[in-house]
Amino acid sequence: MKLLNTYDDRDEAEEAAEKLTGDKRLASERDATVVIYNLFGIPSWGNFHRLGMYNLGELKSLLERRASWQPADQTRHAEIIATLKTVAKNYGIEVPGHWL
């Protein structure tokens, strides 16, 4: 398990934890009077999508209409893929070829 995200609100953190599949753990951390909630889980594209991270919903929408892309769509796709390649490297996972 790896740290997937942090939250300032306990309810939001618990709601996010419910969306994950596989092993997961929610841990609170106090710094002075501020409490943050660290969500640990299995780093997978499915879990990141369920959490609404890394513009995966937008990527899905772009890929569904790939045949009719405009230049702005191609630029946005390249931006999202660049981010996902960094995420993949950090978590030791691969970007699926059909997303490229």
PDB file of N, CA and C in Angstrom:
ATOM      1  N   MET A   1       0.844  -1.184   0.000  1.00  0.00           N
ATOM      2  CA  MET A   1       0.000   0.000   0.000  1.00  0.00           C
ATOM      3  C   MET A   1       0.885   1.242   0.000  1.00  0.00           C
ATOM      4  N   LYS A   2       0.393   2.237  -0.696  1.00  0.00           N
ATOM      5  CA  LYS A   2       1.111   3.500  -0.774  1.00  0.00           C
ATOM      6  C   LYS A   2       0.145   4.641  -0.498  1.00  0.00           C
ATOM      7  N   LEU A   3       0.710   5.790  -0.132  1.00  0.00           N
ATOM      8  CA  LEU A   3      -0.104   6.977   0.082  1.00  0.00           C
ATOM      9  C   LEU A   3      -0.684   7.413  -1.263  1.00  0.00           C
ATOM     10  N   LEU A   4      -2.011   7.458  -1.335  1.00  0.00           N
ATOM     11  CA  LEU A   4      -2.673   7.840  -2.576  1.00  0.00           C
ATOM     12  C   LEU A   4      -3.109   9.295  -2.567  1.00  0.00           C
ATOM     13  N   ASN A   5      -3.565   9.781  -1.402  1.00  0.00           N
ATOM     14  CA  ASN A   5      -4.078  11.145  -1.327  1.00  0.00           C
ATOM     15  C   ASN A   5      -4.175  11.571   0.129  1.00  0.00           C
ATOM     16  N   THR A   6      -4.268  12.872   0.351  1.00  0.00           N
ATOM     17  CA  THR A   6      -4.487  13.413   1.692  1.00  0.00           C
ATOM     18  C   THR A   6      -5.733  14.289   1.673  1.00  0.00           C
ATOM     19  N   TYR A   7      -6.380  14.358   2.819  1.00  0.00           N
ATOM     20  CA  TYR A   7      -7.625  15.111   2.942  1.00  0.00           C
ATOM     21  C   TYR A   7      -7.602  15.939   4.214  1.00  0.00           C
ATOM     22  N   ASP A   8      -8.295  17.070   4.182  1.00  0.00           N
ATOM     23  CA  ASP A   8      -8.432  17.924   5.362  1.00  0.00           C
ATOM     24  C   ASP A   8      -9.685  17.585   6.154  1.00  0.00           C
ATOM     25  N   ASP A   9     -10.628  16.935   5.514  1.00  0.00           N
ATOM     26  CA  ASP A   9     -11.925  16.655   6.122  1.00  0.00           C
ATOM     27  C   ASP A   9     -12.095  15.144   6.325  1.00  0.00           C
ATOM     28  N   ARG A  10     -12.452  14.755   7.522  1.00  0.00           N
ATOM     29  CA  ARG A  10     -12.578  13.331   7.838  1.00  0.00           C
ATOM     30  C   ARG A  10     -13.662  12.648   7.009  1.00  0.00           C
ATOM     31  N   ASP A  11     -14.814  13.293   6.878  1.00  0.00           N
ATOM     32  CA  ASP A  11     -15.907  12.690   6.105  1.00  0.00           C
ATOM     33  C   ASP A  11     -15.508  12.471   4.647  1.00  0.00           C
ATOM     34  N   GLU A  12     -14.822  13.458   4.079  1.00  0.00           N
ATOM     35  CA  GLU A  12     -14.363  13.336   2.695  1.00  0.00           C
ATOM     36  C   GLU A  12     -13.351  12.189   2.563  1.00  0.00           C
ATOM     37  N   ALA A  13     -12.474  12.063   3.545  1.00  0.00           N
ATOM     38  CA  ALA A  13     -11.465  11.000   3.525  1.00  0.00           C
ATOM     39  C   ALA A  13     -12.125   9.625   3.643  1.00  0.00           C
ATOM     40  N   GLU A  14     -13.099   9.506   4.527  1.00  0.00           N
ATOM     41  CA  GLU A  14     -13.791   8.224   4.693  1.00  0.00           C
ATOM     42  C   GLU A  14     -14.587   7.861   3.448  1.00  0.00           C
ATOM     43  N   GLU A  15     -15.195   8.863   2.826  1.00  0.00           N
ATOM     44  CA  GLU A  15     -15.942   8.627   1.585  1.00  0.00           C
ATOM     45  C   GLU A  15     -14.996   8.144   0.481  1.00  0.00           C
ATOM     46  N   ALA A  16     -13.829   8.753   0.390  1.00  0.00           N
ATOM     47  CA  ALA A  16     -12.835   8.334  -0.608  1.00  0.00           C
ATOM     48  C   ALA A  16     -12.365   6.915  -0.328  1.00  0.00           C
ATOM     49  N   ALA A  17     -12.145   6.578   0.934  1.00  0.00           N
ATOM     50  CA  ALA A  17     -11.674   5.237   1.282  1.00  0.00           C
ATOM     51  C   ALA A  17     -12.689   4.179   0.864  1.00  0.00           C
ATOM     52  N   GLU A  18     -13.962   4.497   0.947  1.00  0.00           N
ATOM     53  CA  GLU A  18     -15.012   3.552   0.563  1.00  0.00           C
ATOM     54  C   GLU A  18     -14.990   3.255  -0.944  1.00  0.00           C
ATOM     55  N   LYS A  19     -14.475   4.174  -1.727  1.00  0.00           N
ATOM     56  CA  LYS A  19     -14.445   3.999  -3.184  1.00  0.00           C
ATOM     57  C   LYS A  19     -13.338   3.052  -3.641  1.00  0.00           C
ATOM     58  N   LEU A  20     -12.315   2.873  -2.818  1.00  0.00           N
ATOM     59  CA  LEU A  20     -11.162   2.081  -3.221  1.00  0.00           C
ATOM     60  C   LEU A  20     -11.457   0.585  -3.218  1.00  0.00           C
ATOM     61  N   THR A  21     -10.762  -0.130  -4.090  1.00  0.00           N
ATOM     62  CA  THR A  21     -10.795  -1.584  -4.064  1.00  0.00           C
ATOM     63  C   THR A  21      -9.454  -2.068  -3.536  1.00  0.00           C
ATOM     64  N   GLY A  22      -9.444  -3.256  -2.980  1.00  0.00           N
ATOM     65  CA  GLY A  22      -8.204  -3.816  -2.437  1.00  0.00           C
ATOM     66  C   GLY A  22      -7.924  -3.300  -1.039  1.00  0.00           C
ATOM     67  N   ASP A  23      -6.713  -3.566  -0.561  1.00  0.00           N
ATOM     68  CA  ASP A  23      -6.320  -3.113   0.769  1.00  0.00           C
ATOM     69  C   ASP A  23      -6.326  -1.596   0.829  1.00  0.00           C
ATOM     70  N   LYS A  24      -6.747  -1.074   1.967  1.00  0.00           N
ATOM     71  CA  LYS A  24      -6.771   0.372   2.166  1.00  0.00           C
ATOM     72  C   LYS A  24      -6.681   0.679   3.648  1.00  0.00           C
ATOM     73  N   ARG A  25      -6.207   1.872   3.947  1.00  0.00           N
ATOM     74  CA  ARG A  25      -6.093   2.304   5.334  1.00  0.00           C
ATOM     75  C   ARG A  25      -6.155   3.818   5.355  1.00  0.00           C
ATOM     76  N   LEU A  26      -6.878   4.330   6.335  1.00  0.00           N
ATOM     77  CA  LEU A  26      -6.985   5.765   6.525  1.00  0.00           C
ATOM     78  C   LEU A  26      -6.307   6.095   7.844  1.00  0.00           C
ATOM     79  N   ALA A  27      -5.351   7.001   7.815  1.00  0.00           N
ATOM     80  CA  ALA A  27      -4.599   7.362   9.025  1.00  0.00           C
ATOM     81  C   ALA A  27      -4.660   8.869   9.214  1.00  0.00           C
ATOM     82  N   SER A  28      -4.907   9.284  10.452  1.00  0.00           N
ATOM     83  CA  SER A  28      -4.931  10.719  10.739  1.00  0.00           C
ATOM     84  C   SER A  28      -3.579  11.145  11.293  1.00  0.00           C
ATOM     85  N   GLU A  29      -3.281  12.401  11.060  1.00  0.00           N
ATOM     86  CA  GLU A  29      -2.017  12.978  11.495  1.00  0.00           C
ATOM     87  C   GLU A  29      -2.301  14.380  12.005  1.00  0.00           C
ATOM     88  N   ARG A  30      -1.805  14.680  13.187  1.00  0.00           N
ATOM     89  CA  ARG A  30      -2.075  15.986  13.782  1.00  0.00           C
ATOM     90  C   ARG A  30      -0.803  16.823  13.765  1.00  0.00           C
ATOM     91  N   ASP A  31      -0.967  18.067  13.315  1.00  0.00           N
ATOM     92  CA  ASP A  31       0.123  19.029  13.335  1.00  0.00           C
ATOM     93  C   ASP A  31      -0.418  20.293  13.998  1.00  0.00           C
ATOM     94  N   ALA A  32      -0.027  20.516  15.253  1.00  0.00           N
ATOM     95  CA  ALA A  32      -0.567  21.622  16.060  1.00  0.00           C
ATOM     96  C   ALA A  32      -2.076  21.418  16.185  1.00  0.00           C
ATOM     97  N   THR A  33      -2.871  22.288  15.596  1.00  0.00           N
ATOM     98  CA  THR A  33      -4.325  22.143  15.703  1.00  0.00           C
ATOM     99  C   THR A  33      -4.957  21.621  14.421  1.00  0.00           C
ATOM    100  N   VAL A  34      -4.149  21.293  13.444  1.00  0.00           N
ATOM    101  CA  VAL A  34      -4.652  20.822  12.151  1.00  0.00           C
ATOM    102  C   VAL A  34      -4.531  19.303  12.073  1.00  0.00           C
ATOM    103  N   VAL A  35      -5.621  18.664  11.636  1.00  0.00           N
ATOM    104  CA  VAL A  35      -5.610  17.218  11.426  1.00  0.00           C
ATOM    105  C   VAL A  35      -5.749  16.958   9.932  1.00  0.00           C
ATOM    106  N   ILE A  36      -4.865  16.119   9.405  1.00  0.00           N
ATOM    107  CA  ILE A  36      -5.000  15.687   8.022  1.00  0.00           C
ATOM    108  C   ILE A  36      -5.194  14.180   8.015  1.00  0.00           C
ATOM    109  N   TYR A  37      -5.815  13.702   6.953  1.00  0.00           N
ATOM    110  CA  TYR A  37      -6.127  12.288   6.826  1.00  0.00           C
ATOM    111  C   TYR A  37      -5.402  11.743   5.604  1.00  0.00           C
ATOM    112  N   ASN A  38      -4.563  10.761   5.820  1.00  0.00           N
ATOM    113  CA  ASN A  38      -3.790  10.135   4.757  1.00  0.00           C
ATOM    114  C   ASN A  38      -4.492   8.855   4.317  1.00  0.00           C
ATOM    115  N   LEU A  39      -4.757   8.749   3.031  1.00  0.00           N
ATOM    116  CA  LEU A  39      -5.415   7.575   2.482  1.00  0.00           C
ATOM    117  C   LEU A  39      -4.369   6.702   1.790  1.00  0.00           C
ATOM    118  N   PHE A  40      -4.197   5.505   2.323  1.00  0.00           N
ATOM    119  CA  PHE A  40      -3.268   4.539   1.762  1.00  0.00           C
ATOM    120  C   PHE A  40      -4.063   3.458   1.043  1.00  0.00           C
ATOM    121  N   GLY A  41      -3.539   2.982  -0.071  1.00  0.00           N
ATOM    122  CA  GLY A  41      -4.218   1.924  -0.807  1.00  0.00           C
ATOM    123  C   GLY A  41      -3.328   1.392  -1.910  1.00  0.00           C
ATOM    124  N   ILE A  42      -3.924   0.563  -2.734  1.00  0.00           N
ATOM    125  CA  ILE A  42      -3.221  -0.023  -3.866  1.00  0.00           C
ATOM    126  C   ILE A  42      -3.208   1.001  -5.003  1.00  0.00           C
ATOM    127  N   PRO A  43      -2.016   1.395  -5.474  1.00  0.00           N
ATOM    128  CA  PRO A  43      -1.965   2.359  -6.577  1.00  0.00           C
ATOM    129  C   PRO A  43      -2.329   1.680  -7.901  1.00  0.00           C
ATOM    130  N   SER A  44      -3.536   1.946  -8.363  1.00  0.00           N
ATOM    131  CA  SER A  44      -3.994   1.403  -9.645  1.00  0.00           C
ATOM    132  C   SER A  44      -4.778   2.495 -10.361  1.00  0.00           C
ATOM    133  N   TRP A  45      -4.831   2.382 -11.672  1.00  0.00           N
ATOM    134  CA  TRP A  45      -5.579   3.388 -12.428  1.00  0.00           C
ATOM    135  C   TRP A  45      -7.056   3.365 -12.059  1.00  0.00           C
ATOM    136  N   GLY A  46      -7.578   2.180 -11.757  1.00  0.00           N
ATOM    137  CA  GLY A  46      -8.977   2.079 -11.331  1.00  0.00           C
ATOM    138  C   GLY A  46      -9.225   2.847 -10.040  1.00  0.00           C
ATOM    139  N   ASN A  47      -8.334   2.682  -9.070  1.00  0.00           N
ATOM    140  CA  ASN A  47      -8.489   3.411  -7.811  1.00  0.00           C
ATOM    141  C   ASN A  47      -8.330   4.916  -8.019  1.00  0.00           C
ATOM    142  N   PHE A  48      -7.369   5.320  -8.831  1.00  0.00           N
ATOM    143  CA  PHE A  48      -7.193   6.752  -9.099  1.00  0.00           C
ATOM    144  C   PHE A  48      -8.427   7.323  -9.799  1.00  0.00           C
ATOM    145  N   HIS A  49      -9.010   6.552 -10.701  1.00  0.00           N
ATOM    146  CA  HIS A  49     -10.216   7.013 -11.403  1.00  0.00           C
ATOM    147  C   HIS A  49     -11.380   7.144 -10.420  1.00  0.00           C
ATOM    148  N   ARG A  50     -11.553   6.167  -9.546  1.00  0.00           N
ATOM    149  CA  ARG A  50     -12.632   6.225  -8.555  1.00  0.00           C
ATOM    150  C   ARG A  50     -12.477   7.422  -7.622  1.00  0.00           C
ATOM    151  N   LEU A  51     -11.242   7.841  -7.385  1.00  0.00           N
ATOM    152  CA  LEU A  51     -10.990   9.003  -6.528  1.00  0.00           C
ATOM    153  C   LEU A  51     -11.069  10.317  -7.307  1.00  0.00           C
ATOM    154  N   GLY A  52     -11.234  10.240  -8.621  1.00  0.00           N
ATOM    155  CA  GLY A  52     -11.331  11.453  -9.435  1.00  0.00           C
ATOM    156  C   GLY A  52      -9.999  12.162  -9.603  1.00  0.00           C
ATOM    157  N   MET A  53      -8.926  11.411  -9.620  1.00  0.00           N
ATOM    158  CA  MET A  53      -7.586  11.988  -9.686  1.00  0.00           C
ATOM    159  C   MET A  53      -7.015  11.958 -11.099  1.00  0.00           C
ATOM    160  N   TYR A  54      -6.065  12.850 -11.328  1.00  0.00           N
ATOM    161  CA  TYR A  54      -5.226  12.875 -12.534  1.00  0.00           C
ATOM    162  C   TYR A  54      -6.020  13.017 -13.836  1.00  0.00           C
ATOM    163  N   ASN A  55      -7.180  13.630 -13.777  1.00  0.00           N
ATOM    164  CA  ASN A  55      -7.986  13.892 -14.981  1.00  0.00           C
ATOM    165  C   ASN A  55      -8.322  12.625 -15.770  1.00  0.00           C
ATOM    166  N   LEU A  56      -8.459  11.504 -15.068  1.00  0.00           N
ATOM    167  CA  LEU A  56      -8.756  10.252 -15.767  1.00  0.00           C
ATOM    168  C   LEU A  56     -10.153  10.254 -16.380  1.00  0.00           C
ATOM    169  N   GLY A  57     -11.098  10.929 -15.757  1.00  0.00           N
ATOM    170  CA  GLY A  57     -12.439  11.046 -16.333  1.00  0.00           C
ATOM    171  C   GLY A  57     -12.410  11.827 -17.640  1.00  0.00           C
ATOM    172  N   GLU A  58     -11.646  12.906 -17.653  1.00  0.00           N
ATOM    173  CA  GLU A  58     -11.495  13.704 -18.872  1.00  0.00           C
ATOM    174  C   GLU A  58     -10.787  12.901 -19.961  1.00  0.00           C
ATOM    175  N   LEU A  59      -9.774  12.124 -19.571  1.00  0.00           N
ATOM    176  CA  LEU A  59      -9.071  11.281 -20.537  1.00  0.00           C
ATOM    177  C   LEU A  59     -10.033  10.278 -21.167  1.00  0.00           C
ATOM    178  N   LYS A  60     -10.863   9.676 -20.348  1.00  0.00           N
ATOM    179  CA  LYS A  60     -11.842   8.710 -20.862  1.00  0.00           C
ATOM    180  C   LYS A  60     -12.743   9.370 -21.903  1.00  0.00           C
ATOM    181  N   SER A  61     -13.210  10.559 -21.587  1.00  0.00           N
ATOM    182  CA  SER A  61     -14.067  11.295 -22.515  1.00  0.00           C
ATOM    183  C   SER A  61     -13.327  11.623 -23.816  1.00  0.00           C
ATOM    184  N   LEU A  62     -12.079  12.040 -23.689  1.00  0.00           N
ATOM    185  CA  LEU A  62     -11.283  12.335 -24.881  1.00  0.00           C
ATOM    186  C   LEU A  62     -11.104  11.099 -25.755  1.00  0.00           C
ATOM    187  N   LEU A  63     -10.781   9.984 -25.136  1.00  0.00           N
ATOM    188  CA  LEU A  63     -10.520   8.761 -25.896  1.00  0.00           C
ATOM    189  C   LEU A  63     -11.778   8.243 -26.592  1.00  0.00           C
ATOM    190  N   GLU A  64     -12.942   8.480 -25.992  1.00  0.00           N
ATOM    191  CA  GLU A  64     -14.194   8.032 -26.598  1.00  0.00           C
ATOM    192  C   GLU A  64     -14.488   8.764 -27.896  1.00  0.00           C
ATOM    193  N   ARG A  65     -13.952   9.966 -28.041  1.00  0.00           N
ATOM    194  CA  ARG A  65     -14.191  10.737 -29.261  1.00  0.00           C
ATOM    195  C   ARG A  65     -12.889  11.038 -30.001  1.00  0.00           C
ATOM    196  N   ARG A  66     -11.960  10.138 -29.900  1.00  0.00           N
ATOM    197  CA  ARG A  66     -10.622  10.315 -30.491  1.00  0.00           C
ATOM    198  C   ARG A  66     -10.666  10.593 -31.990  1.00  0.00           C
ATOM    199  N   ALA A  67     -11.579   9.982 -32.715  1.00  0.00           N
ATOM    200  CA  ALA A  67     -11.646  10.145 -34.174  1.00  0.00           C
ATOM    201  C   ALA A  67     -11.952  11.580 -34.588  1.00  0.00           C
ATOM    202  N   SER A  68     -12.569  12.344 -33.723  1.00  0.00           N
ATOM    203  CA  SER A  68     -12.955  13.715 -34.089  1.00  0.00           C
ATOM    204  C   SER A  68     -12.195  14.779 -33.297  1.00  0.00           C
ATOM    205  N   TRP A  69     -10.994  14.449 -32.862  1.00  0.00           N
ATOM    206  CA  TRP A  69     -10.201  15.406 -32.091  1.00  0.00           C
ATOM    207  C   TRP A  69      -9.870  16.659 -32.892  1.00  0.00           C
ATOM    208  N   GLN A  70      -9.919  17.750 -32.190  1.00  0.00           N
ATOM    209  CA  GLN A  70      -9.442  19.030 -32.688  1.00  0.00           C
ATOM    210  C   GLN A  70      -8.031  19.241 -32.130  1.00  0.00           C
ATOM    211  N   PRO A  71      -7.286  20.222 -32.625  1.00  0.00           N
ATOM    212  CA  PRO A  71      -5.940  20.476 -32.087  1.00  0.00           C
ATOM    213  C   PRO A  71      -5.924  20.690 -30.564  1.00  0.00           C
ATOM    214  N   ALA A  72      -6.937  21.342 -30.028  1.00  0.00           N
ATOM    215  CA  ALA A  72      -7.004  21.562 -28.582  1.00  0.00           C
ATOM    216  C   ALA A  72      -7.139  20.235 -27.831  1.00  0.00           C
ATOM    217  N   ASP A  73      -7.877  19.285 -28.413  1.00  0.00           N
ATOM    218  CA  ASP A  73      -8.036  17.968 -27.800  1.00  0.00           C
ATOM    219  C   ASP A  73      -6.703  17.221 -27.795  1.00  0.00           C
ATOM    220  N   GLN A  74      -5.970  17.319 -28.873  1.00  0.00           N
ATOM    221  CA  GLN A  74      -4.666  16.654 -28.953  1.00  0.00           C
ATOM    222  C   GLN A  74      -3.698  17.236 -27.927  1.00  0.00           C
ATOM    223  N   THR A  75      -3.743  18.547 -27.764  1.00  0.00           N
ATOM    224  CA  THR A  75      -2.889  19.209 -26.776  1.00  0.00           C
ATOM    225  C   THR A  75      -3.259  18.765 -25.368  1.00  0.00           C
ATOM    226  N   ARG A  76      -4.548  18.733 -25.085  1.00  0.00           N
ATOM    227  CA  ARG A  76      -4.994  18.330 -23.745  1.00  0.00           C
ATOM    228  C   ARG A  76      -4.621  16.876 -23.471  1.00  0.00           C
ATOM    229  N   HIS A  77      -4.779  16.022 -24.451  1.00  0.00           N
ATOM    230  CA  HIS A  77      -4.408  14.607 -24.312  1.00  0.00           C
ATOM    231  C   HIS A  77      -2.927  14.495 -23.968  1.00  0.00           C
ATOM    232  N   ALA A  78      -2.089  15.243 -24.676  1.00  0.00           N
ATOM    233  CA  ALA A  78      -0.642  15.209 -24.419  1.00  0.00           C
ATOM    234  C   ALA A  78      -0.324  15.672 -22.999  1.00  0.00           C
ATOM    235  N   GLU A  79      -1.042  16.691 -22.514  1.00  0.00           N
ATOM    236  CA  GLU A  79      -0.823  17.185 -21.148  1.00  0.00           C
ATOM    237  C   GLU A  79      -1.190  16.119 -20.120  1.00  0.00           C
ATOM    238  N   ILE A  80      -2.340  15.487 -20.309  1.00  0.00           N
ATOM    239  CA  ILE A  80      -2.795  14.455 -19.366  1.00  0.00           C
ATOM    240  C   ILE A  80      -1.834  13.274 -19.377  1.00  0.00           C
ATOM    241  N   ILE A  81      -1.421  12.842 -20.557  1.00  0.00           N
ATOM    242  CA  ILE A  81      -0.507  11.697 -20.667  1.00  0.00           C
ATOM    243  C   ILE A  81       0.835  12.014 -20.010  1.00  0.00           C
ATOM    244  N   ALA A  82       1.326  13.226 -20.159  1.00  0.00           N
ATOM    245  CA  ALA A  82       2.587  13.607 -19.513  1.00  0.00           C
ATOM    246  C   ALA A  82       2.474  13.466 -17.996  1.00  0.00           C
ATOM    247  N   THR A  83       1.349  13.901 -17.446  1.00  0.00           N
ATOM    248  CA  THR A  83       1.117  13.762 -16.008  1.00  0.00           C
ATOM    249  C   THR A  83       1.041  12.292 -15.616  1.00  0.00           C
ATOM    250  N   LEU A  84       0.310  11.507 -16.408  1.00  0.00           N
ATOM    251  CA  LEU A  84       0.140  10.088 -16.085  1.00  0.00           C
ATOM    252  C   LEU A  84       1.459   9.323 -16.158  1.00  0.00           C
ATOM    253  N   LYS A  85       2.342   9.716 -17.056  1.00  0.00           N
ATOM    254  CA  LYS A  85       3.653   9.069 -17.131  1.00  0.00           C
ATOM    255  C   LYS A  85       4.461   9.328 -15.861  1.00  0.00           C
ATOM    256  N   THR A  86       4.343  10.529 -15.309  1.00  0.00           N
ATOM    257  CA  THR A  86       5.017  10.844 -14.046  1.00  0.00           C
ATOM    258  C   THR A  86       4.413  10.039 -12.910  1.00  0.00           C
ATOM    259  N   VAL A  87       3.087   9.968 -12.863  1.00  0.00           N
ATOM    260  CA  VAL A  87       2.396   9.187 -11.836  1.00  0.00           C
ATOM    261  C   VAL A  87       2.807   7.721 -11.936  1.00  0.00           C
ATOM    262  N   ALA A  88       2.828   7.200 -13.152  1.00  0.00           N
ATOM    263  CA  ALA A  88       3.201   5.795 -13.371  1.00  0.00           C
ATOM    264  C   ALA A  88       4.610   5.524 -12.854  1.00  0.00           C
ATOM    265  N   LYS A  89       5.510   6.422 -13.135  1.00  0.00           N
ATOM    266  CA  LYS A  89       6.893   6.265 -12.673  1.00  0.00           C
ATOM    267  C   LYS A  89       6.956   6.292 -11.142  1.00  0.00           C
ATOM    268  N   ASN A  90       6.235   7.223 -10.534  1.00  0.00           N
ATOM    269  CA  ASN A  90       6.256   7.351  -9.069  1.00  0.00           C
ATOM    270  C   ASN A  90       5.654   6.146  -8.357  1.00  0.00           C
ATOM    271  N   TYR A  91       4.651   5.526  -8.947  1.00  0.00           N
ATOM    272  CA  TYR A  91       3.963   4.407  -8.300  1.00  0.00           C
ATOM    273  C   TYR A  91       4.386   3.042  -8.840  1.00  0.00           C
ATOM    274  N   GLY A  92       5.243   3.013  -9.843  1.00  0.00           N
ATOM    275  CA  GLY A  92       5.695   1.738 -10.396  1.00  0.00           C
ATOM    276  C   GLY A  92       4.613   0.998 -11.150  1.00  0.00           C
ATOM    277  N   ILE A  93       3.756   1.743 -11.850  1.00  0.00           N
ATOM    278  CA  ILE A  93       2.713   1.135 -12.680  1.00  0.00           C
ATOM    279  C   ILE A  93       2.908   1.628 -14.112  1.00  0.00           C
ATOM    280  N   GLU A  94       2.216   1.016 -15.058  1.00  0.00           N
ATOM    281  CA  GLU A  94       2.375   1.390 -16.460  1.00  0.00           C
ATOM    282  C   GLU A  94       1.132   2.087 -16.992  1.00  0.00           C
ATOM    283  N   VAL A  95       1.361   3.030 -17.877  1.00  0.00           N
ATOM    284  CA  VAL A  95       0.254   3.672 -18.580  1.00  0.00           C
ATOM    285  C   VAL A  95      -0.194   2.715 -19.675  1.00  0.00           C
ATOM    286  N   PRO A  96      -1.481   2.335 -19.708  1.00  0.00           N
ATOM    287  CA  PRO A  96      -1.958   1.418 -20.752  1.00  0.00           C
ATOM    288  C   PRO A  96      -1.701   1.982 -22.154  1.00  0.00           C
ATOM    289  N   GLY A  97      -1.258   1.118 -23.041  1.00  0.00           N
ATOM    290  CA  GLY A  97      -0.930   1.531 -24.397  1.00  0.00           C
ATOM    291  C   GLY A  97      -2.082   2.163 -25.161  1.00  0.00           C
ATOM    292  N   HIS A  98      -3.309   1.711 -24.891  1.00  0.00           N
ATOM    293  CA  HIS A  98      -4.448   2.260 -25.636  1.00  0.00           C
ATOM    294  C   HIS A  98      -4.813   3.683 -25.197  1.00  0.00           C
ATOM    295  N   TRP A  99      -4.178   4.181 -24.152  1.00  0.00           N
ATOM    296  CA  TRP A  99      -4.385   5.563 -23.732  1.00  0.00           C
ATOM    297  C   TRP A  99      -3.464   6.511 -24.483  1.00  0.00           C
ATOM    298  N   LEU A 100      -2.392   5.966 -25.064  1.00  0.00           N
ATOM    299  CA  LEU A 100      -1.378   6.801 -25.708  1.00  0.00           C
ATOM    300  C   LEU A 100      -1.762   7.219 -27.121  1.00  0.00           C
TER     301      LEU A 100
END
